[in-house]
Amino acid sequence: MKKLKIFLLSILLLTTLPPINTFATTLEKLPLSVSSEQWSVVIGEPENDKSKAGVYNVYSMEVKNIGDENINLVSVEAYRDEPKSPTEFELFTFTADLNMQPYFQHTNFPISVEASKLKVTITWTGKSDNRKYRETFIFNQ
């Protein structure tokens, strides 16, 4: 009799409690693309998806120059945020050779499922003036 009461009480509680909401913690609708007058940044499917459920997701990134062609790509940096912390954590930094084309591709990089944004910073110089420029793109997860 006692087991029956516990069983009925359990069923009653499970059916009357409100449903628990769940949210996806991945970048939606890949590929995601953000462009400016100078750059196009695309976040897409990884070449080898080795995501670890509940820990991190893996993506690819492609950076293309779509503006002035008289430039040299200097670096591409990617950062993610951490919940309850003002600090951003570096995912990778790519430093280009001066003779490289202003193009960059990263086939697999992980982002923690706890991160809510991906920040990509591109630095370049003009070939004629050698002045340094920087642009930042933010993707929300």
C-alpha atoms as a PDB file:
ATOM      1  CA  MET A   1       0.000   0.000   0.000  1.00  0.00           C
ATOM      2  CA  LYS A   2       2.823   2.366   0.872  1.00  0.00           C
ATOM      3  CA  LYS A   3       4.487   1.697  -2.504  1.00  0.00           C
ATOM      4  CA  LEU A   4       1.215   2.480  -4.308  1.00  0.00           C
ATOM      5  CA  LYS A   5       0.894   5.832  -2.514  1.00  0.00           C
ATOM      6  CA  ILE A   6       4.491   6.769  -3.396  1.00  0.00           C
ATOM      7  CA  PHE A   7       3.936   5.740  -7.003  1.00  0.00           C
ATOM      8  CA  LEU A   8       0.707   7.770  -7.325  1.00  0.00           C
ATOM      9  CA  LEU A   9       2.305  10.776  -5.647  1.00  0.00           C
ATOM     10  CA  SER A  10       5.253  10.570  -8.044  1.00  0.00           C
ATOM     11  CA  ILE A  11       2.949  10.417 -11.073  1.00  0.00           C
ATOM     12  CA  LEU A  12       0.913  13.351  -9.766  1.00  0.00           C
ATOM     13  CA  LEU A  13       4.026  15.491  -9.217  1.00  0.00           C
ATOM     14  CA  LEU A  14       5.549  14.639 -12.597  1.00  0.00           C
ATOM     15  CA  THR A  15       2.362  15.494 -14.488  1.00  0.00           C
ATOM     16  CA  THR A  16       1.663  18.759 -12.681  1.00  0.00           C
ATOM     17  CA  LEU A  17       5.149  20.302 -12.663  1.00  0.00           C
ATOM     18  CA  PRO A  18       5.764  22.837 -15.434  1.00  0.00           C
ATOM     19  CA  PRO A  19       7.992  21.673 -18.277  1.00  0.00           C
ATOM     20  CA  ILE A  20      11.660  22.563 -18.126  1.00  0.00           C
ATOM     21  CA  ASN A  21      12.796  24.832 -20.960  1.00  0.00           C
ATOM     22  CA  THR A  22      15.935  23.898 -22.845  1.00  0.00           C
ATOM     23  CA  PHE A  23      17.924  26.071 -25.216  1.00  0.00           C
ATOM     24  CA  ALA A  24      20.330  25.133 -27.969  1.00  0.00           C
ATOM     25  CA  THR A  25      23.899  26.119 -27.229  1.00  0.00           C
ATOM     26  CA  THR A  26      25.252  26.063 -30.764  1.00  0.00           C
ATOM     27  CA  LEU A  27      25.592  28.554 -33.556  1.00  0.00           C
ATOM     28  CA  GLU A  28      22.371  28.159 -35.507  1.00  0.00           C
ATOM     29  CA  LYS A  29      21.880  27.888 -39.264  1.00  0.00           C
ATOM     30  CA  LEU A  30      25.428  27.291 -40.408  1.00  0.00           C
ATOM     31  CA  PRO A  31      27.135  28.751 -42.333  1.00  0.00           C
ATOM     32  CA  LEU A  32      26.929  32.115 -40.586  1.00  0.00           C
ATOM     33  CA  SER A  33      28.410  35.044 -42.442  1.00  0.00           C
ATOM     34  CA  VAL A  34      29.276  38.606 -41.444  1.00  0.00           C
ATOM     35  CA  SER A  35      30.767  41.090 -43.890  1.00  0.00           C
ATOM     36  CA  SER A  36      32.158  44.594 -43.888  1.00  0.00           C
ATOM     37  CA  GLU A  37      33.557  46.742 -46.679  1.00  0.00           C
ATOM     38  CA  GLN A  38      36.924  44.975 -46.302  1.00  0.00           C
ATOM     39  CA  TRP A  39      36.314  41.446 -44.964  1.00  0.00           C
ATOM     40  CA  SER A  40      33.926  38.509 -45.078  1.00  0.00           C
ATOM     41  CA  VAL A  41      33.988  36.066 -42.142  1.00  0.00           C
ATOM     42  CA  VAL A  42      32.122  32.761 -42.467  1.00  0.00           C
ATOM     43  CA  ILE A  43      31.601  30.295 -39.596  1.00  0.00           C
ATOM     44  CA  GLY A  44      30.665  26.894 -40.972  1.00  0.00           C
ATOM     45  CA  GLU A  45      30.641  23.151 -40.478  1.00  0.00           C
ATOM     46  CA  PRO A  46      34.001  21.672 -39.422  1.00  0.00           C
ATOM     47  CA  GLU A  47      36.035  19.422 -41.660  1.00  0.00           C
ATOM     48  CA  ASN A  48      36.140  16.756 -38.922  1.00  0.00           C
ATOM     49  CA  ASP A  49      33.338  17.195 -36.410  1.00  0.00           C
ATOM     50  CA  LYS A  50      34.717  15.908 -33.114  1.00  0.00           C
ATOM     51  CA  SER A  51      32.312  17.866 -30.909  1.00  0.00           C
ATOM     52  CA  LYS A  52      31.907  16.613 -27.362  1.00  0.00           C
ATOM     53  CA  ALA A  53      28.266  16.821 -26.284  1.00  0.00           C
ATOM     54  CA  GLY A  54      27.779  19.161 -23.358  1.00  0.00           C
ATOM     55  CA  VAL A  55      31.418  20.315 -23.409  1.00  0.00           C
ATOM     56  CA  TYR A  56      32.297  21.948 -26.746  1.00  0.00           C
ATOM     57  CA  ASN A  57      31.207  22.253 -30.390  1.00  0.00           C
ATOM     58  CA  VAL A  58      33.593  22.351 -33.352  1.00  0.00           C
ATOM     59  CA  TYR A  59      33.343  24.830 -36.254  1.00  0.00           C
ATOM     60  CA  SER A  60      35.355  26.062 -39.232  1.00  0.00           C
ATOM     61  CA  MET A  61      36.193  29.666 -40.149  1.00  0.00           C
ATOM     62  CA  GLU A  62      37.002  31.344 -43.436  1.00  0.00           C
ATOM     63  CA  VAL A  63      38.195  34.958 -43.705  1.00  0.00           C
ATOM     64  CA  LYS A  64      38.301  36.580 -47.163  1.00  0.00           C
ATOM     65  CA  ASN A  65      39.310  40.021 -48.327  1.00  0.00           C
ATOM     66  CA  ILE A  66      36.410  41.515 -50.318  1.00  0.00           C
ATOM     67  CA  GLY A  67      37.598  45.134 -50.304  1.00  0.00           C
ATOM     68  CA  ASP A  68      40.821  46.956 -51.128  1.00  0.00           C
ATOM     69  CA  GLU A  69      43.362  44.539 -52.601  1.00  0.00           C
ATOM     70  CA  ASN A  70      46.429  46.628 -51.698  1.00  0.00           C
ATOM     71  CA  ILE A  71      46.666  45.211 -48.192  1.00  0.00           C
ATOM     72  CA  ASN A  72      48.635  42.662 -46.198  1.00  0.00           C
ATOM     73  CA  LEU A  73      46.866  40.433 -43.695  1.00  0.00           C
ATOM     74  CA  VAL A  74      48.706  40.632 -40.366  1.00  0.00           C
ATOM     75  CA  SER A  75      46.698  38.456 -37.973  1.00  0.00           C
ATOM     76  CA  VAL A  76      43.382  36.753 -37.230  1.00  0.00           C
ATOM     77  CA  GLU A  77      42.424  36.188 -33.580  1.00  0.00           C
ATOM     78  CA  ALA A  78      39.403  34.396 -32.123  1.00  0.00           C
ATOM     79  CA  TYR A  79      38.100  34.763 -28.569  1.00  0.00           C
ATOM     80  CA  ARG A  80      35.146  33.398 -26.633  1.00  0.00           C
ATOM     81  CA  ASP A  81      33.468  34.670 -23.510  1.00  0.00           C
ATOM     82  CA  GLU A  82      32.971  32.811 -20.252  1.00  0.00           C
ATOM     83  CA  PRO A  83      29.729  32.995 -18.249  1.00  0.00           C
ATOM     84  CA  LYS A  84      29.949  35.207 -15.161  1.00  0.00           C
ATOM     85  CA  SER A  85      33.372  36.557 -16.182  1.00  0.00           C
ATOM     86  CA  PRO A  86      34.379  39.761 -17.991  1.00  0.00           C
ATOM     87  CA  THR A  87      37.462  37.990 -19.371  1.00  0.00           C
ATOM     88  CA  GLU A  88      37.610  36.722 -22.950  1.00  0.00           C
ATOM     89  CA  PHE A  89      39.535  33.521 -23.651  1.00  0.00           C
ATOM     90  CA  GLU A  90      41.676  33.104 -26.761  1.00  0.00           C
ATOM     91  CA  LEU A  91      40.785  30.221 -29.080  1.00  0.00           C
ATOM     92  CA  PHE A  92      43.598  30.811 -31.579  1.00  0.00           C
ATOM     93  CA  THR A  93      45.844  33.482 -33.115  1.00  0.00           C
ATOM     94  CA  PHE A  94      47.070  33.261 -36.683  1.00  0.00           C
ATOM     95  CA  THR A  95      49.953  35.497 -37.760  1.00  0.00           C
ATOM     96  CA  ALA A  96      50.396  35.807 -41.531  1.00  0.00           C
ATOM     97  CA  ASP A  97      53.538  36.128 -43.601  1.00  0.00           C
ATOM     98  CA  LEU A  98      53.814  39.421 -45.506  1.00  0.00           C
ATOM     99  CA  ASN A  99      53.809  37.539 -48.824  1.00  0.00           C
ATOM    100  CA  MET A 100      50.516  35.737 -48.126  1.00  0.00           C
ATOM    101  CA  GLN A 101      47.241  36.465 -49.837  1.00  0.00           C
ATOM    102  CA  PRO A 102      44.716  38.222 -47.560  1.00  0.00           C
ATOM    103  CA  TYR A 103      42.838  34.965 -46.926  1.00  0.00           C
ATOM    104  CA  PHE A 104      42.626  32.652 -43.897  1.00  0.00           C
ATOM    105  CA  GLN A 105      40.928  29.324 -43.223  1.00  0.00           C
ATOM    106  CA  HIS A 106      40.730  27.348 -39.984  1.00  0.00           C
ATOM    107  CA  THR A 107      39.110  23.951 -40.550  1.00  0.00           C
ATOM    108  CA  ASN A 108      38.397  22.872 -36.948  1.00  0.00           C
ATOM    109  CA  PHE A 109      38.246  24.928 -33.781  1.00  0.00           C
ATOM    110  CA  PRO A 110      36.280  24.202 -30.596  1.00  0.00           C
ATOM    111  CA  ILE A 111      34.007  26.571 -28.680  1.00  0.00           C
ATOM    112  CA  SER A 112      32.753  25.759 -25.196  1.00  0.00           C
ATOM    113  CA  VAL A 113      28.995  25.200 -24.997  1.00  0.00           C
ATOM    114  CA  GLU A 114      28.991  27.664 -22.093  1.00  0.00           C
ATOM    115  CA  ALA A 115      30.256  30.483 -24.320  1.00  0.00           C
ATOM    116  CA  SER A 116      27.627  32.872 -25.659  1.00  0.00           C
ATOM    117  CA  LYS A 117      29.724  34.778 -28.194  1.00  0.00           C
ATOM    118  CA  LEU A 118      32.630  34.361 -30.570  1.00  0.00           C
ATOM    119  CA  LYS A 119      34.744  37.429 -31.293  1.00  0.00           C
ATOM    120  CA  VAL A 120      36.979  37.484 -34.396  1.00  0.00           C
ATOM    121  CA  THR A 121      39.553  40.267 -34.731  1.00  0.00           C
ATOM    122  CA  ILE A 122      41.332  40.847 -38.045  1.00  0.00           C
ATOM    123  CA  THR A 123      44.421  43.070 -38.281  1.00  0.00           C
ATOM    124  CA  TRP A 124      45.948  44.218 -41.563  1.00  0.00           C
ATOM    125  CA  THR A 125      48.218  46.873 -43.050  1.00  0.00           C
ATOM    126  CA  GLY A 126      47.990  48.915 -46.217  1.00  0.00           C
ATOM    127  CA  LYS A 127      50.726  48.201 -48.754  1.00  0.00           C
ATOM    128  CA  SER A 128      51.155  51.868 -49.629  1.00  0.00           C
ATOM    129  CA  ASP A 129      51.004  53.523 -46.207  1.00  0.00           C
ATOM    130  CA  ASN A 130      52.004  50.578 -43.948  1.00  0.00           C
ATOM    131  CA  ARG A 131      49.393  51.804 -41.468  1.00  0.00           C
ATOM    132  CA  LYS A 132      47.821  49.157 -39.222  1.00  0.00           C
ATOM    133  CA  TYR A 133      44.031  48.585 -39.246  1.00  0.00           C
ATOM    134  CA  ARG A 134      41.783  46.365 -37.143  1.00  0.00           C
ATOM    135  CA  GLU A 135      38.205  45.150 -37.434  1.00  0.00           C
ATOM    136  CA  THR A 136      36.167  42.989 -35.040  1.00  0.00           C
ATOM    137  CA  PHE A 137      33.253  40.669 -35.854  1.00  0.00           C
ATOM    138  CA  ILE A 138      30.995  39.163 -33.178  1.00  0.00           C
ATOM    139  CA  PHE A 139      28.925  36.000 -33.546  1.00  0.00           C
ATOM    140  CA  ASN A 140      26.365  35.233 -30.841  1.00  0.00           C
ATOM    141  CA  GLN A 141      25.840  31.613 -29.893  1.00  0.00           C
END
